[in-house]
Amino acid sequence: MPAQGRDDFYVSSANATAVALIEGWEDWPARKLALNGPPGSGKTHLVHVWRDLSGARILPARDLAGADIPALAAGHVAIEGADTIAGDRAAEEAFFHLHNLTLAEGNSLLITARAAPNHWPLILADLASRMQATPTCTLKDPDDELLAAVLMKQMGDRQILPTPGTIPYLVRRMPRAFGDASRVVEAIDRLALERRRPVTRALAAEALDKLGL
């Protein structure tokens, strides 16, 4: 189970603004915020940090159409992957009603997506206008410091103990992308289990070669 507490979230220049907004959630001027960024950038982790701070409920956007909207709107709520429902009228209408009712009840709404709301191909014009008026924060691609921290966290979640020099080697060689970090750690874990070897720089290099990185 990945560790998703605030103490497990590494702050760098790539995500400091998002962390500050989550920690200062009670001061959101519109009582809502959209976090966008690539897969693995920390959106879900920050949603769980916010839940711990606010007591919010978390719901995947794909489950909106069948959700009890009044019950959700009775408290703070986070919707993950909101951009994935674009084109699904039932889900869009449920999201529209949840948005309006949550704010009307005086509660706060956190939304995550891969892209900013103005890039979602929504079919419901009223929902599109409300999403485009939502304050947005973008999680940037990782710098070296954050990429090293992400690799260490993902290895820790898998109980991998890399030898000294392995993480700096990976940071120097691999692309600056969160999604690639997940692929790399998974490949290293698989190779280490197959070979029954510790995670060394040499094993990491072999994993990168297998991935074509």
Protein backbone atom coordinates (compact mmCIF):
# COMPACT_ATOMS: atom_id res chain seq x y z
CA MET A 1 0.00 0.00 0.00
CA PRO A 2 1.57 3.31 -1.06
CA ALA A 3 2.22 5.75 1.78
CA GLN A 4 0.03 8.82 1.16
CA GLY A 5 0.34 10.97 4.27
CA ARG A 6 1.62 14.55 4.27
CA ASP A 7 4.96 13.47 5.73
CA ASP A 8 5.42 11.10 2.78
CA PHE A 9 5.01 13.87 0.19
CA TYR A 10 8.29 15.43 -0.92
CA VAL A 11 8.10 19.14 -1.66
CA SER A 12 10.23 20.76 -4.38
CA SER A 13 9.90 23.69 -6.77
CA ALA A 14 7.81 21.46 -9.06
CA ASN A 15 4.96 21.06 -6.57
CA ALA A 16 5.43 23.64 -3.80
CA THR A 17 2.54 25.81 -4.99
CA ALA A 18 0.15 22.86 -5.05
CA VAL A 19 1.19 21.78 -1.55
CA ALA A 20 0.69 25.30 -0.21
CA LEU A 21 -2.78 25.47 -1.74
CA ILE A 22 -3.78 22.13 -0.23
CA GLU A 23 -2.50 23.07 3.20
CA GLY A 24 -4.27 26.44 2.94
CA TRP A 25 -7.51 24.97 1.61
CA GLU A 26 -9.72 26.89 4.04
CA ASP A 27 -8.69 30.10 2.27
CA TRP A 28 -9.62 29.02 -1.28
CA PRO A 29 -11.48 32.13 -2.53
CA ALA A 30 -13.97 30.11 -4.59
CA ARG A 31 -13.96 27.11 -2.19
CA LYS A 32 -12.76 24.94 -5.08
CA LEU A 33 -9.51 23.98 -6.77
CA ALA A 34 -8.50 21.94 -9.82
CA LEU A 35 -5.16 20.14 -9.67
CA ASN A 36 -3.84 19.00 -13.03
CA GLY A 37 -0.70 17.20 -14.08
CA PRO A 38 0.63 14.02 -15.68
CA PRO A 39 0.04 10.55 -14.20
CA GLY A 40 2.23 9.98 -11.16
CA SER A 41 2.73 13.69 -10.47
CA GLY A 42 1.24 13.44 -6.98
CA LYS A 43 -2.39 14.43 -7.57
CA THR A 44 -3.86 11.43 -5.75
CA HIS A 45 -1.37 11.77 -2.92
CA LEU A 46 -2.38 15.42 -2.44
CA VAL A 47 -6.06 14.43 -2.52
CA HIS A 48 -5.41 12.08 0.40
CA VAL A 49 -3.48 14.79 2.23
CA TRP A 50 -6.51 17.07 1.76
CA ARG A 51 -8.87 14.37 2.97
CA ASP A 52 -6.81 14.05 6.16
CA LEU A 53 -6.95 17.83 6.64
CA SER A 54 -10.61 18.39 5.76
CA GLY A 55 -12.41 15.10 6.31
CA ALA A 56 -13.46 15.12 2.65
CA ARG A 57 -14.84 12.15 0.77
CA ILE A 58 -13.02 10.98 -2.37
CA LEU A 59 -14.82 9.70 -5.46
CA PRO A 60 -13.52 8.69 -8.91
CA ALA A 61 -15.28 10.77 -11.57
CA ARG A 62 -16.36 7.58 -13.36
CA ASP A 63 -18.64 6.78 -10.38
CA LEU A 64 -20.48 10.11 -10.44
CA ALA A 65 -23.46 9.01 -12.52
CA GLY A 66 -24.57 6.49 -9.89
CA ALA A 67 -23.58 8.50 -6.82
CA ASP A 68 -25.81 9.97 -4.11
CA ILE A 69 -25.11 13.60 -4.97
CA PRO A 70 -26.91 15.22 -1.99
CA ALA A 71 -25.02 12.94 0.41
CA LEU A 72 -21.69 13.81 -1.19
CA ALA A 73 -22.44 17.51 -1.19
CA ALA A 74 -23.19 17.42 2.54
CA GLY A 75 -19.44 17.58 3.17
CA HIS A 76 -16.18 18.46 1.44
CA VAL A 77 -15.54 16.26 -1.60
CA ALA A 78 -12.71 15.41 -3.99
CA ILE A 79 -13.37 14.15 -7.52
CA GLU A 80 -10.47 12.35 -9.19
CA GLY A 81 -9.97 12.15 -12.94
CA ALA A 82 -12.68 14.68 -13.74
CA ASP A 83 -11.52 15.05 -17.34
CA THR A 84 -12.24 11.36 -18.03
CA ILE A 85 -16.03 11.90 -17.99
CA ALA A 86 -16.01 14.39 -20.86
CA GLY A 87 -18.63 13.25 -23.37
CA ASP A 88 -20.57 11.18 -20.82
CA ARG A 89 -23.74 13.25 -20.40
CA ALA A 90 -25.02 11.42 -17.31
CA ALA A 91 -21.71 11.80 -15.51
CA GLU A 92 -21.35 15.42 -16.59
CA GLU A 93 -24.85 16.25 -15.31
CA ALA A 94 -24.11 14.54 -11.98
CA PHE A 95 -20.86 16.48 -11.68
CA PHE A 96 -22.66 19.73 -12.50
CA HIS A 97 -25.21 19.15 -9.74
CA LEU A 98 -22.50 18.07 -7.29
CA HIS A 99 -20.48 21.20 -8.02
CA ASN A 100 -23.43 23.51 -7.46
CA LEU A 101 -24.82 21.75 -4.40
CA THR A 102 -21.44 21.36 -2.68
CA LEU A 103 -20.72 25.07 -2.95
CA ALA A 104 -24.29 26.00 -2.02
CA GLU A 105 -23.90 23.94 1.17
CA GLY A 106 -20.79 25.95 2.04
CA ASN A 107 -18.42 23.05 1.44
CA SER A 108 -15.26 22.79 -0.66
CA LEU A 109 -14.50 20.86 -3.84
CA LEU A 110 -11.14 19.50 -5.02
CA ILE A 111 -10.85 18.23 -8.60
CA THR A 112 -8.00 16.38 -10.29
CA ALA A 113 -7.34 15.85 -13.99
CA ARG A 114 -4.52 15.38 -16.43
CA ALA A 115 -5.22 18.66 -18.21
CA ALA A 116 -6.54 22.05 -17.15
CA PRO A 117 -10.36 22.42 -17.34
CA ASN A 118 -10.28 24.60 -20.47
CA HIS A 119 -8.91 21.56 -22.36
CA TRP A 120 -11.67 19.14 -21.32
CA PRO A 121 -14.04 18.33 -24.24
CA LEU A 122 -17.18 18.70 -22.10
CA ILE A 123 -20.57 18.59 -23.81
CA LEU A 124 -22.50 20.33 -21.03
CA ALA A 125 -21.95 24.05 -21.52
CA ASP A 126 -22.95 25.01 -17.98
CA LEU A 127 -20.46 22.55 -16.52
CA ALA A 128 -17.74 23.74 -18.89
CA SER A 129 -18.23 27.35 -17.79
CA ARG A 130 -18.03 26.42 -14.11
CA MET A 131 -14.93 24.31 -14.61
CA GLN A 132 -13.20 27.05 -16.60
CA ALA A 133 -13.92 29.44 -13.73
CA THR A 134 -12.27 27.05 -11.25
CA PRO A 135 -8.87 28.13 -9.88
CA THR A 136 -6.27 25.76 -11.28
CA CYS A 137 -2.82 24.60 -10.19
CA THR A 138 -0.50 22.60 -12.43
CA LEU A 139 1.93 20.04 -11.05
CA LYS A 140 5.08 20.36 -13.14
CA ASP A 141 7.42 17.67 -14.42
CA PRO A 142 9.94 16.78 -11.71
CA ASP A 143 13.30 18.43 -11.21
CA ASP A 144 16.27 16.21 -10.25
CA GLU A 145 15.55 16.57 -6.54
CA LEU A 146 11.90 15.60 -6.86
CA LEU A 147 12.57 12.77 -9.31
CA ALA A 148 15.03 11.23 -6.84
CA ALA A 149 12.45 11.54 -4.06
CA VAL A 150 9.74 9.96 -6.23
CA LEU A 151 12.01 7.04 -7.11
CA MET A 152 12.89 6.53 -3.45
CA LYS A 153 9.24 6.64 -2.40
CA GLN A 154 8.11 4.21 -5.07
CA MET A 155 10.93 1.85 -4.20
CA GLY A 156 10.05 2.18 -0.52
CA ASP A 157 6.42 1.32 -1.30
CA ARG A 158 7.73 -1.90 -2.88
CA GLN A 159 10.22 -2.51 -0.04
CA ILE A 160 13.17 -2.09 -2.43
CA LEU A 161 16.48 -1.01 -0.88
CA PRO A 162 18.74 0.32 -3.66
CA THR A 163 22.49 0.37 -3.14
CA PRO A 164 24.22 3.78 -2.85
CA GLY A 165 24.59 5.47 -6.19
CA THR A 166 21.63 3.73 -7.82
CA ILE A 167 19.15 6.58 -7.45
CA PRO A 168 21.61 9.30 -8.64
CA TYR A 169 22.43 7.11 -11.65
CA LEU A 170 18.75 6.75 -12.54
CA VAL A 171 18.14 10.48 -12.18
CA ARG A 172 21.02 11.26 -14.56
CA ARG A 173 19.94 8.78 -17.19
CA MET A 174 16.13 8.52 -17.29
CA PRO A 175 13.60 11.01 -18.73
CA ARG A 176 12.15 13.72 -16.46
CA ALA A 177 8.67 12.22 -16.35
CA PHE A 178 6.62 10.84 -13.46
CA GLY A 179 5.13 8.09 -15.60
CA ASP A 180 8.60 6.86 -16.53
CA ALA A 181 9.54 6.73 -12.84
CA SER A 182 6.73 4.24 -12.22
CA ARG A 183 7.75 2.14 -15.22
CA VAL A 184 11.39 2.14 -14.19
CA VAL A 185 10.72 1.10 -10.59
CA GLU A 186 8.35 -1.64 -11.71
CA ALA A 187 10.95 -2.95 -14.20
CA ILE A 188 13.70 -2.87 -11.56
CA ASP A 189 11.52 -4.71 -9.06
CA ARG A 190 10.60 -7.39 -11.59
CA LEU A 191 14.21 -7.87 -12.69
CA ALA A 192 15.49 -8.05 -9.11
CA LEU A 193 12.95 -10.75 -8.29
CA GLU A 194 13.75 -12.71 -11.44
CA ARG A 195 17.50 -12.55 -10.86
CA ARG A 196 17.28 -12.72 -7.07
CA ARG A 197 19.76 -9.88 -6.92
CA PRO A 198 19.94 -6.65 -4.94
CA VAL A 199 19.00 -3.41 -6.68
CA THR A 200 22.36 -2.06 -7.80
CA ARG A 201 23.38 0.46 -10.42
CA ALA A 202 24.15 -2.40 -12.82
CA LEU A 203 20.71 -3.94 -12.36
CA ALA A 204 19.10 -0.52 -12.80
CA ALA A 205 21.06 -0.01 -16.03
CA GLU A 206 19.81 -3.36 -17.32
CA ALA A 207 16.22 -2.42 -16.47
CA LEU A 208 16.57 0.88 -18.34
CA ASP A 209 18.00 -0.93 -21.35
CA LYS A 210 15.04 -3.32 -21.37
CA LEU A 211 12.68 -0.32 -21.35
CA GLY A 212 14.61 1.40 -24.11
CA LEU A 213 15.39 4.41 -21.90
